[in-house]
N, C-alpha and C. Protein backbone atom coordinates (compact mmCIF):
# COMPACT_ATOMS: atom_id res chain seq x y z
N MET A 1 15.34 -1.15 -13.76
CA MET A 1 14.90 0.15 -13.36
C MET A 1 14.27 0.80 -14.58
N GLU A 2 13.00 1.12 -14.48
CA GLU A 2 12.29 1.69 -15.62
C GLU A 2 11.48 2.90 -15.19
N SER A 3 11.27 3.79 -16.13
CA SER A 3 10.36 4.94 -16.00
C SER A 3 10.69 5.82 -14.80
N ASN A 4 11.95 6.23 -14.68
CA ASN A 4 12.40 7.11 -13.60
C ASN A 4 12.88 8.42 -14.17
N VAL A 5 12.86 9.45 -13.30
CA VAL A 5 13.39 10.75 -13.66
C VAL A 5 14.53 11.05 -12.70
N ASP A 6 15.66 11.49 -13.23
CA ASP A 6 16.80 11.88 -12.41
C ASP A 6 17.13 13.33 -12.73
N THR A 7 17.18 14.18 -11.70
CA THR A 7 17.47 15.60 -11.92
C THR A 7 18.81 16.00 -11.35
N ASN A 8 19.62 15.03 -10.93
CA ASN A 8 20.86 15.39 -10.26
C ASN A 8 22.10 14.86 -10.95
N SER A 9 22.35 13.58 -10.83
CA SER A 9 23.65 13.05 -11.23
C SER A 9 23.64 12.25 -12.52
N GLY A 10 22.50 11.94 -13.04
CA GLY A 10 22.45 11.05 -14.19
C GLY A 10 22.39 9.60 -13.71
N ILE A 11 21.78 8.75 -14.48
CA ILE A 11 21.62 7.36 -14.09
C ILE A 11 22.91 6.62 -14.40
N LYS A 12 23.51 6.04 -13.36
CA LYS A 12 24.80 5.36 -13.51
C LYS A 12 24.70 3.93 -13.02
N ASP A 13 25.46 3.06 -13.63
CA ASP A 13 25.51 1.65 -13.21
C ASP A 13 26.96 1.22 -13.11
N ASN A 14 27.54 1.38 -11.94
CA ASN A 14 28.92 0.97 -11.74
C ASN A 14 29.05 -0.55 -11.62
N SER A 15 27.95 -1.23 -11.32
CA SER A 15 27.99 -2.69 -11.15
C SER A 15 27.90 -3.42 -12.48
N LYS A 16 27.43 -2.73 -13.52
CA LYS A 16 27.24 -3.31 -14.86
C LYS A 16 26.17 -4.39 -14.90
N VAL A 17 25.26 -4.41 -13.90
CA VAL A 17 24.18 -5.39 -13.89
C VAL A 17 22.79 -4.75 -13.95
N LEU A 18 22.74 -3.44 -13.94
CA LEU A 18 21.47 -2.73 -13.96
C LEU A 18 20.86 -2.76 -15.35
N ASP A 19 19.62 -3.17 -15.43
CA ASP A 19 18.88 -3.15 -16.68
C ASP A 19 17.99 -1.92 -16.64
N ALA A 20 18.42 -0.86 -17.29
CA ALA A 20 17.68 0.40 -17.24
C ALA A 20 17.15 0.77 -18.62
N GLU A 21 15.88 1.14 -18.66
CA GLU A 21 15.29 1.58 -19.92
C GLU A 21 14.15 2.54 -19.64
N ASP A 22 13.85 3.37 -20.62
CA ASP A 22 12.77 4.35 -20.54
C ASP A 22 12.91 5.27 -19.33
N ASN A 23 14.15 5.69 -19.04
CA ASN A 23 14.41 6.66 -17.99
C ASN A 23 14.74 7.99 -18.63
N TRP A 24 14.68 9.06 -17.85
CA TRP A 24 14.96 10.39 -18.37
C TRP A 24 15.78 11.16 -17.36
N ALA A 25 16.94 11.64 -17.75
CA ALA A 25 17.79 12.48 -16.90
C ALA A 25 17.72 13.90 -17.42
N THR A 26 17.50 14.84 -16.51
CA THR A 26 17.41 16.25 -16.88
C THR A 26 18.02 17.09 -15.78
N LYS A 27 18.61 18.19 -16.14
CA LYS A 27 19.11 19.15 -15.15
C LYS A 27 18.04 20.21 -14.87
N GLY A 28 17.00 20.22 -15.66
CA GLY A 28 15.93 21.21 -15.50
C GLY A 28 14.81 20.72 -14.60
N ASP A 29 13.81 21.53 -14.47
CA ASP A 29 12.63 21.19 -13.67
C ASP A 29 11.77 20.21 -14.46
N PRO A 30 11.52 19.01 -13.91
CA PRO A 30 10.70 18.04 -14.63
C PRO A 30 9.21 18.36 -14.61
N GLY A 31 8.82 19.39 -13.85
CA GLY A 31 7.42 19.79 -13.82
C GLY A 31 6.73 19.47 -12.51
N LEU A 32 7.49 19.40 -11.41
CA LEU A 32 6.88 19.13 -10.11
C LEU A 32 6.05 20.33 -9.66
N ILE A 33 4.96 20.07 -8.95
CA ILE A 33 4.07 21.14 -8.52
C ILE A 33 4.79 22.09 -7.56
N ASP A 34 5.37 21.58 -6.47
CA ASP A 34 6.07 22.43 -5.50
C ASP A 34 7.09 21.59 -4.73
N TYR A 35 8.25 21.41 -5.32
CA TYR A 35 9.31 20.57 -4.73
C TYR A 35 9.70 21.03 -3.33
N ARG A 36 9.90 22.33 -3.15
CA ARG A 36 10.36 22.87 -1.86
C ARG A 36 9.38 22.58 -0.72
N CYS A 37 8.11 22.50 -1.02
CA CYS A 37 7.10 22.23 0.02
C CYS A 37 6.69 20.77 0.06
N GLY A 38 7.36 19.93 -0.72
CA GLY A 38 7.08 18.49 -0.67
C GLY A 38 5.94 18.02 -1.53
N ASN A 39 5.46 18.85 -2.43
CA ASN A 39 4.39 18.42 -3.34
C ASN A 39 5.05 17.95 -4.63
N TYR A 40 5.26 16.63 -4.73
CA TYR A 40 5.98 16.05 -5.86
C TYR A 40 5.07 15.61 -7.01
N GLY A 41 3.81 16.02 -6.96
CA GLY A 41 2.92 15.75 -8.06
C GLY A 41 3.37 16.54 -9.29
N LEU A 42 2.83 16.21 -10.43
CA LEU A 42 3.25 16.84 -11.67
C LEU A 42 2.25 17.89 -12.14
N ASN A 43 2.77 19.00 -12.64
CA ASN A 43 1.94 20.02 -13.27
C ASN A 43 1.30 19.43 -14.53
N ALA A 44 0.23 20.04 -14.97
CA ALA A 44 -0.45 19.57 -16.18
C ALA A 44 0.45 19.65 -17.41
N ASP A 45 1.40 20.59 -17.41
CA ASP A 45 2.30 20.75 -18.55
C ASP A 45 3.68 20.13 -18.34
N ALA A 46 3.81 19.24 -17.35
CA ALA A 46 5.10 18.60 -17.06
C ALA A 46 5.62 17.81 -18.26
N LEU A 47 6.93 17.79 -18.41
CA LEU A 47 7.56 17.09 -19.53
C LEU A 47 7.70 15.58 -19.29
N VAL A 48 7.62 15.15 -18.06
CA VAL A 48 7.86 13.73 -17.73
C VAL A 48 7.02 12.77 -18.58
N PRO A 49 5.70 12.94 -18.65
CA PRO A 49 4.91 11.99 -19.46
C PRO A 49 5.28 12.01 -20.94
N LYS A 50 5.81 13.13 -21.41
CA LYS A 50 6.20 13.23 -22.81
C LYS A 50 7.55 12.57 -23.07
N GLU A 51 8.42 12.56 -22.04
CA GLU A 51 9.78 12.05 -22.19
C GLU A 51 9.91 10.56 -21.86
N ILE A 52 9.01 10.04 -21.02
CA ILE A 52 9.09 8.64 -20.61
C ILE A 52 7.88 7.89 -21.13
N ARG A 53 8.12 6.98 -22.04
CA ARG A 53 7.03 6.19 -22.64
C ARG A 53 6.32 5.38 -21.55
N GLY A 54 5.01 5.46 -21.51
CA GLY A 54 4.21 4.68 -20.57
C GLY A 54 4.27 5.16 -19.13
N PHE A 55 4.75 6.38 -18.90
CA PHE A 55 4.87 6.90 -17.54
C PHE A 55 3.51 6.98 -16.87
N LYS A 56 3.44 6.50 -15.63
CA LYS A 56 2.21 6.59 -14.84
C LYS A 56 2.50 7.45 -13.62
N PRO A 57 1.79 8.56 -13.47
CA PRO A 57 2.04 9.45 -12.33
C PRO A 57 1.83 8.73 -11.00
N ILE A 58 2.65 9.09 -10.03
CA ILE A 58 2.52 8.56 -8.68
C ILE A 58 1.50 9.44 -7.95
N LEU A 59 0.52 8.84 -7.34
CA LEU A 59 -0.53 9.58 -6.65
C LEU A 59 -0.10 9.82 -5.21
N PHE A 60 0.76 10.83 -4.99
CA PHE A 60 1.32 11.11 -3.68
C PHE A 60 0.25 11.42 -2.65
N GLU A 61 -0.87 12.00 -3.07
CA GLU A 61 -1.93 12.35 -2.12
C GLU A 61 -2.60 11.10 -1.55
N GLN A 62 -2.37 9.95 -2.13
CA GLN A 62 -2.94 8.71 -1.61
C GLN A 62 -1.94 7.92 -0.77
N MET A 63 -0.77 8.48 -0.53
CA MET A 63 0.27 7.80 0.27
C MET A 63 0.31 8.38 1.68
N GLY A 64 0.86 7.59 2.58
CA GLY A 64 1.08 8.06 3.94
C GLY A 64 -0.09 7.78 4.86
N ARG A 65 -0.03 8.41 6.01
CA ARG A 65 -1.06 8.20 7.03
C ARG A 65 -2.36 8.85 6.61
N ARG A 66 -3.43 8.20 6.97
CA ARG A 66 -4.76 8.73 6.66
C ARG A 66 -5.59 8.78 7.93
N LYS A 67 -6.53 9.67 7.94
CA LYS A 67 -7.42 9.81 9.11
C LYS A 67 -8.58 8.86 8.99
């Protein structure tokens, strides 16, 4: 598991087999555009790219059904 952001519980591995690196856990806002309305894109000043080496934004506007 690489390059993830966790804003809730922290990244845990009870199985002791998870290979996790370059993840970032925060209790604060990671810089999402509008979480409540489902816009999970990142603001231009989001901390995620600064905190996770090699982070590549997910292009949510290119997912899902298209006309």
